[in-house]
Amino acid sequence: MIDMPPPSSLPKADLRGLIAAIAAATSEDSLGNVFQAQQWELVAPYLQPMQLVSGQVLFAQGASDRTLYFVESGSLSVHYEDEKERLRLAIVGPGSLVGEGAFFSHRPRSATVQAGSDARLWALPALRYAELCNRQPALALQLAMAAGAVLAKRLANRRRRIAAT
C-alpha cells in the first residue's frame, strides 16, 4: 500500500470551478448538486487536480485502477476497442465524472478515456476514498450514492451502457 500524507497536511484544493461546473451541467449523466460548498471543502483535501491536453489518454481499456475522476472543464471521449474497430461511446463534459464502473466493480476499465479538448479534472484515488470513508463517512456515502446514480443513468441508456468506465 502507498503511504500518502494525511489530507489535513495537503494544501486545500480550490474546487470553485468544479462546483460551478456541476451546478451548470445539463447532461443526463451529470453529477448533480451532491454537496453544498461547505461539504466540498471537507472533501477537497482528498481530491487531486489534473490537467489533460487534447488527445491525452486518462486511462486505457483494461487498466486496473479504481480512481474516480470529476470533470471540471473540457471534454473527455470514451471509446471501446475490439478486434475490428474503435467505437466512440460517449463524450463526457464538465459537471460529470468518469471511472465509476471500475470504482464500484473492482474490475479493469471497460473503455479508454482520452481528452477531447484540454481538460481539468479532480482525481479521487481509491486509497483517498478509503480515508474519506474513515474520516467523513456520511460525505463518503453521499459521494458514492451520487457516483452510483451516474452509473445507473448510464446503464439505463443502451447507447451509453458500455461507457460506464
N, C-alpha and C. Protein backbone atom coordinates (compact mmCIF):
# COMPACT_ATOMS: atom_id res chain seq x y z
N MET A 1 0.84 -1.18 0.00
CA MET A 1 0.00 0.00 0.00
C MET A 1 0.89 1.24 0.00
N ILE A 2 0.50 2.26 -0.74
CA ILE A 2 1.25 3.51 -0.85
C ILE A 2 1.00 4.34 0.40
N ASP A 3 2.10 4.84 0.99
CA ASP A 3 1.97 5.70 2.17
C ASP A 3 1.77 7.13 1.69
N MET A 4 0.58 7.67 1.92
CA MET A 4 0.24 9.02 1.48
C MET A 4 0.08 9.92 2.69
N PRO A 5 0.45 11.19 2.58
CA PRO A 5 0.27 12.09 3.71
C PRO A 5 -1.20 12.25 4.04
N PRO A 6 -1.50 12.51 5.32
CA PRO A 6 -2.92 12.71 5.66
C PRO A 6 -3.47 13.92 4.95
N PRO A 7 -4.77 13.90 4.58
CA PRO A 7 -5.36 15.02 3.85
C PRO A 7 -5.18 16.36 4.54
N SER A 8 -5.16 16.38 5.88
CA SER A 8 -5.03 17.65 6.59
C SER A 8 -3.68 18.31 6.35
N SER A 9 -2.67 17.54 5.92
CA SER A 9 -1.34 18.12 5.67
C SER A 9 -1.17 18.61 4.24
N LEU A 10 -2.16 18.38 3.40
CA LEU A 10 -2.09 18.78 2.00
C LEU A 10 -2.68 20.18 1.82
N PRO A 11 -2.20 20.92 0.80
CA PRO A 11 -2.81 22.23 0.55
C PRO A 11 -4.28 22.06 0.18
N LYS A 12 -5.09 23.01 0.59
CA LYS A 12 -6.52 22.96 0.30
C LYS A 12 -6.77 23.22 -1.18
N ALA A 13 -7.52 22.33 -1.80
CA ALA A 13 -7.84 22.46 -3.22
C ALA A 13 -8.92 23.51 -3.41
N ASP A 14 -8.82 24.26 -4.49
CA ASP A 14 -9.84 25.25 -4.83
C ASP A 14 -10.82 24.59 -5.79
N LEU A 15 -11.96 24.21 -5.27
CA LEU A 15 -12.95 23.48 -6.06
C LEU A 15 -14.04 24.37 -6.63
N ARG A 16 -13.88 25.67 -6.58
CA ARG A 16 -14.94 26.56 -7.08
C ARG A 16 -15.31 26.27 -8.53
N GLY A 17 -14.32 25.99 -9.37
CA GLY A 17 -14.60 25.68 -10.78
C GLY A 17 -15.39 24.40 -10.93
N LEU A 18 -15.04 23.38 -10.16
CA LEU A 18 -15.77 22.11 -10.20
C LEU A 18 -17.19 22.30 -9.70
N ILE A 19 -17.36 23.02 -8.60
CA ILE A 19 -18.69 23.26 -8.04
C ILE A 19 -19.56 24.00 -9.05
N ALA A 20 -18.98 25.00 -9.73
CA ALA A 20 -19.72 25.76 -10.74
C ALA A 20 -20.08 24.86 -11.93
N ALA A 21 -19.16 23.99 -12.34
CA ALA A 21 -19.42 23.08 -13.47
C ALA A 21 -20.55 22.12 -13.14
N ILE A 22 -20.56 21.61 -11.93
CA ILE A 22 -21.62 20.68 -11.51
C ILE A 22 -22.97 21.40 -11.49
N ALA A 23 -22.97 22.62 -10.95
CA ALA A 23 -24.21 23.40 -10.87
C ALA A 23 -24.76 23.73 -12.26
N ALA A 24 -23.87 23.97 -13.23
CA ALA A 24 -24.29 24.37 -14.57
C ALA A 24 -24.55 23.20 -15.51
N ALA A 25 -24.16 21.99 -15.12
CA ALA A 25 -24.26 20.83 -16.01
C ALA A 25 -25.72 20.50 -16.32
N THR A 26 -25.97 20.19 -17.59
CA THR A 26 -27.33 19.86 -18.01
C THR A 26 -27.45 18.47 -18.63
N SER A 27 -26.33 17.77 -18.80
CA SER A 27 -26.42 16.46 -19.43
C SER A 27 -27.12 15.47 -18.50
N GLU A 28 -27.73 14.48 -19.11
CA GLU A 28 -28.49 13.48 -18.35
C GLU A 28 -27.63 12.79 -17.30
N ASP A 29 -26.35 12.56 -17.61
CA ASP A 29 -25.50 11.83 -16.68
C ASP A 29 -24.57 12.75 -15.88
N SER A 30 -24.98 14.01 -15.67
CA SER A 30 -24.16 14.89 -14.85
C SER A 30 -24.28 14.46 -13.39
N LEU A 31 -23.37 14.94 -12.60
CA LEU A 31 -23.28 14.54 -11.20
C LEU A 31 -24.43 15.06 -10.35
N GLY A 32 -24.89 16.25 -10.63
CA GLY A 32 -25.95 16.83 -9.81
C GLY A 32 -25.34 17.47 -8.56
N ASN A 33 -26.09 18.31 -7.92
CA ASN A 33 -25.58 19.03 -6.74
C ASN A 33 -25.53 18.10 -5.54
N VAL A 34 -24.45 17.33 -5.48
CA VAL A 34 -24.30 16.31 -4.45
C VAL A 34 -23.97 16.92 -3.08
N PHE A 35 -23.24 18.03 -3.06
CA PHE A 35 -22.82 18.65 -1.81
C PHE A 35 -23.07 20.15 -1.83
N GLN A 36 -23.15 20.73 -0.66
CA GLN A 36 -23.11 22.18 -0.51
C GLN A 36 -21.64 22.58 -0.47
N ALA A 37 -21.35 23.86 -0.66
CA ALA A 37 -19.96 24.34 -0.72
C ALA A 37 -19.16 23.93 0.51
N GLN A 38 -19.75 23.99 1.69
CA GLN A 38 -19.04 23.64 2.92
C GLN A 38 -18.65 22.16 2.93
N GLN A 39 -19.51 21.32 2.37
CA GLN A 39 -19.20 19.90 2.31
C GLN A 39 -18.07 19.62 1.32
N TRP A 40 -18.07 20.35 0.19
CA TRP A 40 -16.97 20.20 -0.78
C TRP A 40 -15.65 20.56 -0.12
N GLU A 41 -15.66 21.55 0.78
CA GLU A 41 -14.42 21.92 1.48
C GLU A 41 -13.88 20.76 2.30
N LEU A 42 -14.77 19.94 2.86
CA LEU A 42 -14.32 18.78 3.63
C LEU A 42 -13.81 17.67 2.71
N VAL A 43 -14.34 17.60 1.50
CA VAL A 43 -13.91 16.58 0.53
C VAL A 43 -12.63 17.01 -0.20
N ALA A 44 -12.44 18.31 -0.35
CA ALA A 44 -11.34 18.86 -1.15
C ALA A 44 -9.95 18.26 -0.86
N PRO A 45 -9.56 18.06 0.40
CA PRO A 45 -8.22 17.53 0.64
C PRO A 45 -7.99 16.12 0.10
N TYR A 46 -9.03 15.42 -0.22
CA TYR A 46 -8.91 14.05 -0.73
C TYR A 46 -8.78 14.00 -2.25
N LEU A 47 -9.04 15.13 -2.91
CA LEU A 47 -9.01 15.20 -4.37
C LEU A 47 -7.67 15.74 -4.86
N GLN A 48 -7.25 15.26 -6.03
CA GLN A 48 -6.00 15.69 -6.64
C GLN A 48 -6.30 16.32 -8.00
N PRO A 49 -5.84 17.56 -8.22
CA PRO A 49 -6.11 18.22 -9.50
C PRO A 49 -5.29 17.59 -10.62
N MET A 50 -5.85 17.59 -11.81
CA MET A 50 -5.18 17.06 -13.00
C MET A 50 -5.48 17.95 -14.20
N GLN A 51 -4.53 18.10 -15.06
CA GLN A 51 -4.71 18.78 -16.35
C GLN A 51 -4.41 17.78 -17.44
N LEU A 52 -5.28 17.70 -18.43
CA LEU A 52 -5.03 16.88 -19.61
C LEU A 52 -5.01 17.79 -20.83
N VAL A 53 -4.14 17.48 -21.77
CA VAL A 53 -4.15 18.20 -23.04
C VAL A 53 -4.95 17.38 -24.04
N SER A 54 -5.49 18.04 -25.02
CA SER A 54 -6.30 17.37 -26.03
C SER A 54 -5.57 16.16 -26.59
N GLY A 55 -6.25 15.02 -26.60
CA GLY A 55 -5.67 13.78 -27.12
C GLY A 55 -4.99 12.92 -26.07
N GLN A 56 -4.71 13.46 -24.91
CA GLN A 56 -4.03 12.70 -23.87
C GLN A 56 -4.98 11.64 -23.29
N VAL A 57 -4.46 10.42 -23.11
CA VAL A 57 -5.26 9.33 -22.55
C VAL A 57 -5.26 9.43 -21.03
N LEU A 58 -6.45 9.42 -20.45
CA LEU A 58 -6.60 9.42 -19.00
C LEU A 58 -6.37 8.01 -18.46
N PHE A 59 -7.07 7.04 -19.05
CA PHE A 59 -6.82 5.64 -18.74
C PHE A 59 -7.23 4.80 -19.93
N ALA A 60 -6.60 3.62 -20.03
CA ALA A 60 -6.84 2.73 -21.17
C ALA A 60 -7.75 1.58 -20.77
N GLN A 61 -8.51 1.13 -21.75
CA GLN A 61 -9.36 -0.05 -21.58
C GLN A 61 -8.49 -1.19 -21.04
N GLY A 62 -8.96 -1.87 -20.02
CA GLY A 62 -8.22 -3.00 -19.45
C GLY A 62 -7.32 -2.62 -18.27
N ALA A 63 -7.11 -1.34 -18.04
CA ALA A 63 -6.25 -0.91 -16.92
C ALA A 63 -6.91 -1.27 -15.59
N SER A 64 -6.08 -1.62 -14.62
CA SER A 64 -6.58 -1.95 -13.29
C SER A 64 -6.32 -0.76 -12.37
N ASP A 65 -7.31 0.07 -12.25
CA ASP A 65 -7.22 1.27 -11.42
C ASP A 65 -8.63 1.64 -11.01
N ARG A 66 -8.83 2.09 -9.79
CA ARG A 66 -10.18 2.40 -9.31
C ARG A 66 -10.38 3.88 -9.07
N THR A 67 -9.54 4.73 -9.61
CA THR A 67 -9.68 6.17 -9.40
C THR A 67 -10.95 6.68 -10.06
N LEU A 68 -11.63 7.56 -9.35
CA LEU A 68 -12.83 8.23 -9.84
C LEU A 68 -12.41 9.64 -10.22
N TYR A 69 -12.85 10.13 -11.39
CA TYR A 69 -12.46 11.44 -11.89
C TYR A 69 -13.67 12.34 -12.07
N PHE A 70 -13.59 13.54 -11.53
CA PHE A 70 -14.63 14.56 -11.66
C PHE A 70 -14.17 15.56 -12.71
N VAL A 71 -15.04 15.89 -13.67
CA VAL A 71 -14.68 16.76 -14.78
C VAL A 71 -15.09 18.20 -14.46
N GLU A 72 -14.08 19.07 -14.37
CA GLU A 72 -14.34 20.49 -14.13
C GLU A 72 -14.51 21.25 -15.44
N SER A 73 -13.63 20.98 -16.40
CA SER A 73 -13.71 21.67 -17.68
C SER A 73 -13.17 20.78 -18.79
N GLY A 74 -13.51 21.12 -20.02
CA GLY A 74 -13.08 20.35 -21.17
C GLY A 74 -14.03 19.21 -21.46
N SER A 75 -13.60 18.32 -22.33
CA SER A 75 -14.43 17.16 -22.67
C SER A 75 -13.55 15.92 -22.75
N LEU A 76 -14.16 14.79 -22.45
CA LEU A 76 -13.47 13.51 -22.49
C LEU A 76 -14.21 12.60 -23.46
N SER A 77 -13.47 11.90 -24.28
CA SER A 77 -14.03 10.95 -25.23
C SER A 77 -13.88 9.55 -24.64
N VAL A 78 -14.97 8.82 -24.59
CA VAL A 78 -14.97 7.45 -24.08
C VAL A 78 -15.11 6.54 -25.28
N HIS A 79 -14.17 5.62 -25.47
CA HIS A 79 -14.28 4.69 -26.59
C HIS A 79 -13.85 3.28 -26.20
N TYR A 80 -14.43 2.35 -26.91
CA TYR A 80 -14.23 0.92 -26.71
C TYR A 80 -13.52 0.39 -27.95
N GLU A 81 -12.56 -0.49 -27.72
CA GLU A 81 -11.85 -1.07 -28.86
C GLU A 81 -12.03 -2.58 -28.86
N ASP A 82 -12.45 -3.11 -29.99
CA ASP A 82 -12.47 -4.55 -30.15
C ASP A 82 -11.51 -4.90 -31.29
N GLU A 83 -11.46 -6.16 -31.67
CA GLU A 83 -10.51 -6.56 -32.71
C GLU A 83 -10.81 -5.93 -34.07
N LYS A 84 -12.03 -5.44 -34.26
CA LYS A 84 -12.40 -4.86 -35.55
C LYS A 84 -12.21 -3.36 -35.64
N GLU A 85 -12.56 -2.65 -34.57
CA GLU A 85 -12.53 -1.20 -34.67
C GLU A 85 -12.58 -0.50 -33.32
N ARG A 86 -12.45 0.79 -33.36
CA ARG A 86 -12.58 1.66 -32.20
C ARG A 86 -13.92 2.36 -32.32
N LEU A 87 -14.72 2.28 -31.27
CA LEU A 87 -16.07 2.82 -31.30
C LEU A 87 -16.22 3.87 -30.21
N ARG A 88 -16.54 5.10 -30.64
CA ARG A 88 -16.78 6.15 -29.65
C ARG A 88 -18.13 5.89 -29.01
N LEU A 89 -18.13 5.90 -27.69
CA LEU A 89 -19.34 5.60 -26.93
C LEU A 89 -20.01 6.84 -26.38
N ALA A 90 -19.20 7.79 -25.96
CA ALA A 90 -19.77 8.96 -25.30
C ALA A 90 -18.76 10.08 -25.24
N ILE A 91 -19.28 11.27 -25.07
CA ILE A 91 -18.48 12.45 -24.73
C ILE A 91 -18.95 12.87 -23.34
N VAL A 92 -18.02 12.99 -22.43
CA VAL A 92 -18.34 13.39 -21.06
C VAL A 92 -17.81 14.80 -20.85
N GLY A 93 -18.67 15.67 -20.35
CA GLY A 93 -18.30 17.06 -20.19
C GLY A 93 -18.26 17.50 -18.74
N PRO A 94 -18.08 18.81 -18.55
CA PRO A 94 -17.98 19.37 -17.20
C PRO A 94 -19.22 19.04 -16.36
N GLY A 95 -18.96 18.80 -15.08
CA GLY A 95 -20.05 18.51 -14.15
C GLY A 95 -20.39 17.04 -14.04
N SER A 96 -19.65 16.18 -14.76
CA SER A 96 -19.89 14.75 -14.68
C SER A 96 -18.63 14.06 -14.18
N LEU A 97 -18.59 12.76 -14.33
CA LEU A 97 -17.44 12.00 -13.86
C LEU A 97 -17.19 10.83 -14.77
N VAL A 98 -16.00 10.25 -14.64
CA VAL A 98 -15.64 9.02 -15.33
C VAL A 98 -14.89 8.13 -14.35
N GLY A 99 -14.90 6.86 -14.64
CA GLY A 99 -14.20 5.90 -13.79
C GLY A 99 -15.10 5.20 -12.80
N GLU A 100 -16.40 5.46 -12.88
CA GLU A 100 -17.34 4.93 -11.89
C GLU A 100 -17.49 3.41 -11.97
N GLY A 101 -17.37 2.84 -13.15
CA GLY A 101 -17.52 1.39 -13.29
C GLY A 101 -16.47 0.63 -12.51
N ALA A 102 -15.21 0.96 -12.71
CA ALA A 102 -14.11 0.29 -12.00
C ALA A 102 -14.11 0.66 -10.52
N PHE A 103 -14.52 1.88 -10.21
CA PHE A 103 -14.59 2.32 -8.82
C PHE A 103 -15.48 1.39 -8.01
N PHE A 104 -16.65 1.04 -8.57
CA PHE A 104 -17.58 0.17 -7.86
C PHE A 104 -17.28 -1.31 -8.04
N SER A 105 -16.84 -1.71 -9.23
CA SER A 105 -16.75 -3.15 -9.53
C SER A 105 -15.42 -3.78 -9.16
N HIS A 106 -14.37 -2.99 -8.97
CA HIS A 106 -13.02 -3.52 -8.73
C HIS A 106 -12.55 -4.34 -9.92
N ARG A 107 -13.07 -4.05 -11.11
CA ARG A 107 -12.69 -4.75 -12.33
C ARG A 107 -11.90 -3.81 -13.22
N PRO A 108 -11.21 -4.33 -14.23
CA PRO A 108 -10.46 -3.47 -15.14
C PRO A 108 -11.37 -2.49 -15.88
N ARG A 109 -10.78 -1.42 -16.36
CA ARG A 109 -11.53 -0.40 -17.10
C ARG A 109 -12.17 -1.02 -18.33
N SER A 110 -13.42 -0.65 -18.58
CA SER A 110 -14.17 -1.24 -19.70
C SER A 110 -14.01 -0.45 -20.99
N ALA A 111 -13.39 0.73 -20.91
CA ALA A 111 -13.21 1.56 -22.10
C ALA A 111 -12.00 2.47 -21.88
N THR A 112 -11.56 3.07 -22.96
CA THR A 112 -10.47 4.05 -22.89
C THR A 112 -11.09 5.44 -22.83
N VAL A 113 -10.50 6.30 -22.01
CA VAL A 113 -10.96 7.68 -21.90
C VAL A 113 -9.79 8.59 -22.23
N GLN A 114 -10.03 9.51 -23.16
CA GLN A 114 -8.99 10.48 -23.50
C GLN A 114 -9.61 11.85 -23.66
N ALA A 115 -8.76 12.86 -23.50
CA ALA A 115 -9.24 14.23 -23.57
C ALA A 115 -9.61 14.57 -25.01
N GLY A 116 -10.85 15.04 -25.19
CA GLY A 116 -11.30 15.52 -26.50
C GLY A 116 -10.88 16.96 -26.69
N SER A 117 -10.60 17.64 -25.58
CA SER A 117 -10.07 19.00 -25.57
C SER A 117 -9.27 19.12 -24.28
N ASP A 118 -8.55 20.21 -24.12
CA ASP A 118 -7.85 20.41 -22.86
C ASP A 118 -8.88 20.29 -21.74
N ALA A 119 -8.50 19.63 -20.66
CA ALA A 119 -9.47 19.36 -19.59
C ALA A 119 -8.83 19.51 -18.22
N ARG A 120 -9.64 19.93 -17.28
CA ARG A 120 -9.24 19.98 -15.87
C ARG A 120 -10.12 18.99 -15.12
N LEU A 121 -9.48 18.09 -14.38
CA LEU A 121 -10.17 17.04 -13.64
C LEU A 121 -9.73 17.06 -12.19
N TRP A 122 -10.51 16.36 -11.38
CA TRP A 122 -10.17 16.13 -9.99
C TRP A 122 -10.22 14.63 -9.76
N ALA A 123 -9.09 14.04 -9.35
CA ALA A 123 -8.99 12.60 -9.16
C ALA A 123 -9.25 12.24 -7.69
N LEU A 124 -10.00 11.18 -7.50
CA LEU A 124 -10.22 10.62 -6.17
C LEU A 124 -9.74 9.17 -6.20
N PRO A 125 -8.45 8.95 -5.87
CA PRO A 125 -7.93 7.58 -5.85
C PRO A 125 -8.64 6.74 -4.79
N ALA A 126 -8.67 5.44 -5.00
CA ALA A 126 -9.36 4.53 -4.08
C ALA A 126 -8.82 4.67 -2.66
N LEU A 127 -7.52 4.85 -2.50
CA LEU A 127 -6.93 5.00 -1.17
C LEU A 127 -7.45 6.25 -0.47
N ARG A 128 -7.55 7.34 -1.21
CA ARG A 128 -8.09 8.58 -0.64
C ARG A 128 -9.57 8.41 -0.30
N TYR A 129 -10.30 7.69 -1.14
CA TYR A 129 -11.71 7.44 -0.83
C TYR A 129 -11.83 6.64 0.46
N ALA A 130 -10.97 5.66 0.65
CA ALA A 130 -10.99 4.87 1.89
C ALA A 130 -10.74 5.78 3.11
N GLU A 131 -9.82 6.72 2.97
CA GLU A 131 -9.55 7.68 4.05
C GLU A 131 -10.78 8.54 4.30
N LEU A 132 -11.44 8.99 3.22
CA LEU A 132 -12.66 9.78 3.36
C LEU A 132 -13.72 8.98 4.10
N CYS A 133 -13.84 7.70 3.79
CA CYS A 133 -14.80 6.83 4.48
C CYS A 133 -14.53 6.79 5.98
N ASN A 134 -13.27 6.73 6.34
CA ASN A 134 -12.90 6.67 7.76
C ASN A 134 -13.12 7.99 8.49
N ARG A 135 -12.84 9.10 7.82
CA ARG A 135 -12.87 10.40 8.48
C ARG A 135 -14.18 11.17 8.30
N GLN A 136 -14.86 10.94 7.18
CA GLN A 136 -16.12 11.63 6.87
C GLN A 136 -17.10 10.62 6.27
N PRO A 137 -17.55 9.64 7.05
CA PRO A 137 -18.35 8.56 6.47
C PRO A 137 -19.65 9.03 5.81
N ALA A 138 -20.31 10.01 6.36
CA ALA A 138 -21.56 10.47 5.75
C ALA A 138 -21.31 11.11 4.38
N LEU A 139 -20.23 11.89 4.26
CA LEU A 139 -19.89 12.50 2.97
C LEU A 139 -19.45 11.44 1.97
N ALA A 140 -18.69 10.46 2.44
CA ALA A 140 -18.24 9.38 1.55
C ALA A 140 -19.44 8.61 1.01
N LEU A 141 -20.41 8.34 1.86
CA LEU A 141 -21.62 7.65 1.41
C LEU A 141 -22.39 8.49 0.41
N GLN A 142 -22.54 9.76 0.69
CA GLN A 142 -23.26 10.66 -0.22
C GLN A 142 -22.56 10.73 -1.57
N LEU A 143 -21.24 10.77 -1.57
CA LEU A 143 -20.47 10.80 -2.82
C LEU A 143 -20.63 9.49 -3.59
N ALA A 144 -20.58 8.37 -2.88
CA ALA A 144 -20.76 7.06 -3.54
C ALA A 144 -22.17 6.95 -4.13
N MET A 145 -23.16 7.44 -3.43
CA MET A 145 -24.53 7.40 -3.94
C MET A 145 -24.66 8.26 -5.21
N ALA A 146 -24.02 9.41 -5.23
CA ALA A 146 -24.07 10.28 -6.41
C ALA A 146 -23.37 9.62 -7.59
N ALA A 147 -22.19 9.01 -7.35
CA ALA A 147 -21.48 8.31 -8.42
C ALA A 147 -22.30 7.10 -8.89
N GLY A 148 -22.96 6.42 -7.95
CA GLY A 148 -23.82 5.31 -8.30
C GLY A 148 -25.01 5.74 -9.15
N ALA A 149 -25.52 6.93 -8.88
CA ALA A 149 -26.64 7.47 -9.68
C ALA A 149 -26.18 7.73 -11.12
N VAL A 150 -24.97 8.26 -11.29
CA VAL A 150 -24.43 8.47 -12.64
C VAL A 150 -24.28 7.12 -13.34
N LEU A 151 -23.74 6.14 -12.64
CA LEU A 151 -23.59 4.80 -13.21
C LEU A 151 -24.94 4.23 -13.62
N ALA A 152 -25.95 4.36 -12.76
CA ALA A 152 -27.28 3.84 -13.07
C ALA A 152 -27.87 4.53 -14.30
N LYS A 153 -27.69 5.84 -14.42
CA LYS A 153 -28.20 6.56 -15.60
C LYS A 153 -27.52 6.06 -16.86
N ARG A 154 -26.22 5.82 -16.78
CA ARG A 154 -25.51 5.33 -17.97
C ARG A 154 -25.93 3.92 -18.32
N LEU A 155 -26.13 3.08 -17.34
CA LEU A 155 -26.54 1.70 -17.60
C LEU A 155 -27.96 1.63 -18.16
N ALA A 156 -28.80 2.58 -17.80
CA ALA A 156 -30.18 2.61 -18.29
C ALA A 156 -30.26 3.07 -19.73
N ASN A 157 -29.24 3.73 -20.23
CA ASN A 157 -29.20 4.24 -21.60
C ASN A 157 -28.43 3.23 -22.46
N ARG A 158 -29.12 2.48 -23.29
CA ARG A 158 -28.48 1.42 -24.09
C ARG A 158 -27.24 1.87 -24.84
N ARG A 159 -27.30 3.04 -25.45
CA ARG A 159 -26.17 3.52 -26.25
C ARG A 159 -24.96 3.83 -25.39
N ARG A 160 -25.19 4.25 -24.16
CA ARG A 160 -24.08 4.66 -23.30
C ARG A 160 -23.73 3.61 -22.25
N ARG A 161 -24.39 2.47 -22.31
CA ARG A 161 -24.21 1.46 -21.25
C ARG A 161 -22.75 1.07 -21.07
N ILE A 162 -22.06 0.79 -22.15
CA ILE A 162 -20.68 0.37 -22.01
C ILE A 162 -19.76 1.53 -21.66
N ALA A 163 -20.28 2.75 -21.70
CA ALA A 163 -19.49 3.93 -21.35
C ALA A 163 -19.28 4.03 -19.84
N ALA A 164 -19.85 3.14 -19.07
CA ALA A 164 -19.59 3.10 -17.62
C ALA A 164 -18.19 2.55 -17.45
N THR A 165 -17.24 3.44 -17.25
CA THR A 165 -15.83 3.06 -17.22
C THR A 165 -15.35 2.70 -15.86
